[in-house]
Protein backbone atom coordinates (compact mmCIF):
# COMPACT_ATOMS: atom_id res chain seq x y z
CA UNK A 1 0.39 55.13 29.00
CA UNK A 2 -2.25 52.86 27.47
CA UNK A 3 -3.10 49.47 28.87
CA UNK A 4 -1.54 47.74 25.87
CA UNK A 5 1.74 49.59 26.39
CA UNK A 6 1.75 48.68 30.08
CA UNK A 7 1.08 45.05 29.21
CA UNK A 8 3.94 44.98 26.69
CA UNK A 9 6.26 46.59 29.23
CA UNK A 10 5.42 43.97 31.86
CA UNK A 11 5.90 41.14 29.36
CA UNK A 12 9.34 42.52 28.39
CA UNK A 13 10.23 42.72 32.07
CA UNK A 14 9.27 39.05 32.54
CA UNK A 15 11.40 38.07 29.54
CA UNK A 16 14.34 40.06 30.91
CA UNK A 17 14.08 38.26 34.26
CA UNK A 18 14.64 34.94 32.48
CA UNK A 19 18.23 35.98 31.82
CA UNK A 20 19.11 36.15 35.51
CA UNK A 21 19.77 33.14 37.75
CA UNK A 22 16.74 31.92 39.65
CA UNK A 23 17.51 33.33 43.09
CA UNK A 24 15.18 34.71 45.74
CA UNK A 25 15.16 38.31 44.51
CA UNK A 26 14.43 37.31 40.91
CA UNK A 27 11.54 35.09 42.05
CA UNK A 28 10.06 37.95 44.06
CA UNK A 29 10.38 40.35 41.11
CA UNK A 30 8.86 37.76 38.77
CA UNK A 31 5.87 37.17 41.05
CA UNK A 32 5.30 40.93 41.48
CA UNK A 33 5.44 41.44 37.74
CA UNK A 34 3.11 38.50 37.16
CA UNK A 35 0.60 39.88 39.69
CA UNK A 36 0.75 43.31 38.08
CA UNK A 37 0.10 41.69 34.70
CA UNK A 38 -2.90 39.80 36.11
CA UNK A 39 -4.31 43.01 37.59
CA UNK A 40 -3.89 44.69 34.22
CA UNK A 41 -5.67 41.79 32.50
CA UNK A 42 -8.59 42.13 34.91
CA UNK A 43 -8.86 45.81 34.04
CA UNK A 44 -9.00 45.10 30.33
CA UNK A 45 -11.74 42.52 30.67
CA UNK A 46 -15.15 44.08 30.36
CA UNK A 47 -17.62 42.58 32.75
CA UNK A 48 -20.75 41.74 30.80
CA UNK A 49 -23.75 40.29 32.54
CA UNK A 50 -24.40 36.82 31.20
CA UNK A 51 -27.50 36.52 29.09
CA UNK A 52 -30.16 34.26 30.52
CA UNK A 53 -30.19 30.90 28.86
CA UNK A 54 -33.31 30.20 26.91
CA UNK A 55 -33.63 26.60 25.99
CA UNK A 56 -35.79 25.35 23.19
CA UNK A 57 -37.36 22.79 25.45
CA UNK A 58 -38.77 25.21 28.00
CA UNK A 59 -40.13 27.62 25.43
CA UNK A 60 -41.74 24.86 23.40
CA UNK A 61 -43.24 23.29 26.52
CA UNK A 62 -44.64 26.66 27.54
CA UNK A 63 -46.32 26.96 24.14
CA UNK A 64 -47.65 23.40 24.38
CA UNK A 65 -49.17 23.89 27.83
CA UNK A 66 -50.60 27.28 26.89
CA UNK A 67 -52.29 25.59 23.88
CA UNK A 68 -53.71 22.82 26.09
CA UNK A 69 -55.00 25.38 28.61
CA UNK A 70 -56.78 27.31 25.85
CA UNK A 71 -58.54 24.13 24.78
CA UNK A 72 -59.43 23.36 28.40
CA UNK A 73 -61.09 26.78 28.63
CA UNK A 74 -63.47 25.67 25.85
CA UNK A 75 -64.07 22.25 27.45
CA UNK A 76 -64.13 22.80 31.23
CA UNK A 77 -65.70 19.37 31.85
CA UNK A 78 -62.61 17.57 30.53
CA UNK A 79 -59.54 17.12 32.70
CA UNK A 80 -56.18 18.49 31.62
CA UNK A 81 -54.81 14.96 31.31
CA UNK A 82 -57.69 13.87 29.08
CA UNK A 83 -57.08 16.82 26.74
CA UNK A 84 -53.39 15.90 26.55
CA UNK A 85 -54.29 12.31 25.69
CA UNK A 86 -56.71 13.44 23.00
CA UNK A 87 -54.05 15.76 21.61
CA UNK A 88 -51.68 12.80 21.33
CA UNK A 89 -54.32 10.68 19.62
CA UNK A 90 -55.10 13.51 17.19
CA UNK A 91 -51.40 13.83 16.31
CA UNK A 92 -51.38 10.11 15.52
CA UNK A 93 -54.41 10.59 13.27
CA UNK A 94 -57.01 8.91 15.46
CA UNK A 95 -60.53 10.21 16.13
CA UNK A 96 -61.08 12.41 19.18
CA UNK A 97 -64.17 13.97 20.78
CA UNK A 98 -62.92 17.57 20.44
CA UNK A 99 -63.79 19.05 17.01
CA UNK A 100 -61.03 20.00 14.57
CA UNK A 101 -62.11 23.64 14.61
CA UNK A 102 -61.13 23.89 18.29
CA UNK A 103 -57.75 22.27 17.67
CA UNK A 104 -56.99 24.71 14.86
CA UNK A 105 -58.07 27.85 16.75
CA UNK A 106 -58.54 27.32 20.50
CA UNK A 107 -59.02 30.98 21.35
CA UNK A 108 -62.63 31.82 22.24
């Protein structure tokens, strides 16, 4: 018997138990049927490993810091913080001491 047929059979049994008065035996049968239905539902569910969450923020920050580190490799005398400040000034259109060629292609 397939899982769907078993599920339908258990649901029919639960509906049939509604016809009887709510005494102790009917409650026991109802709870057993309900538990069997829950076990069947667990069998039908496929356990899939959750995919790791990749947020835009972390990936974009990784790219940003990798870019800053590449520029720092070309200018070892400047501190990381100074390069970040100059990057901010450059984005605002102000003059910075690092040439535009380095900002466009920081790889050596």
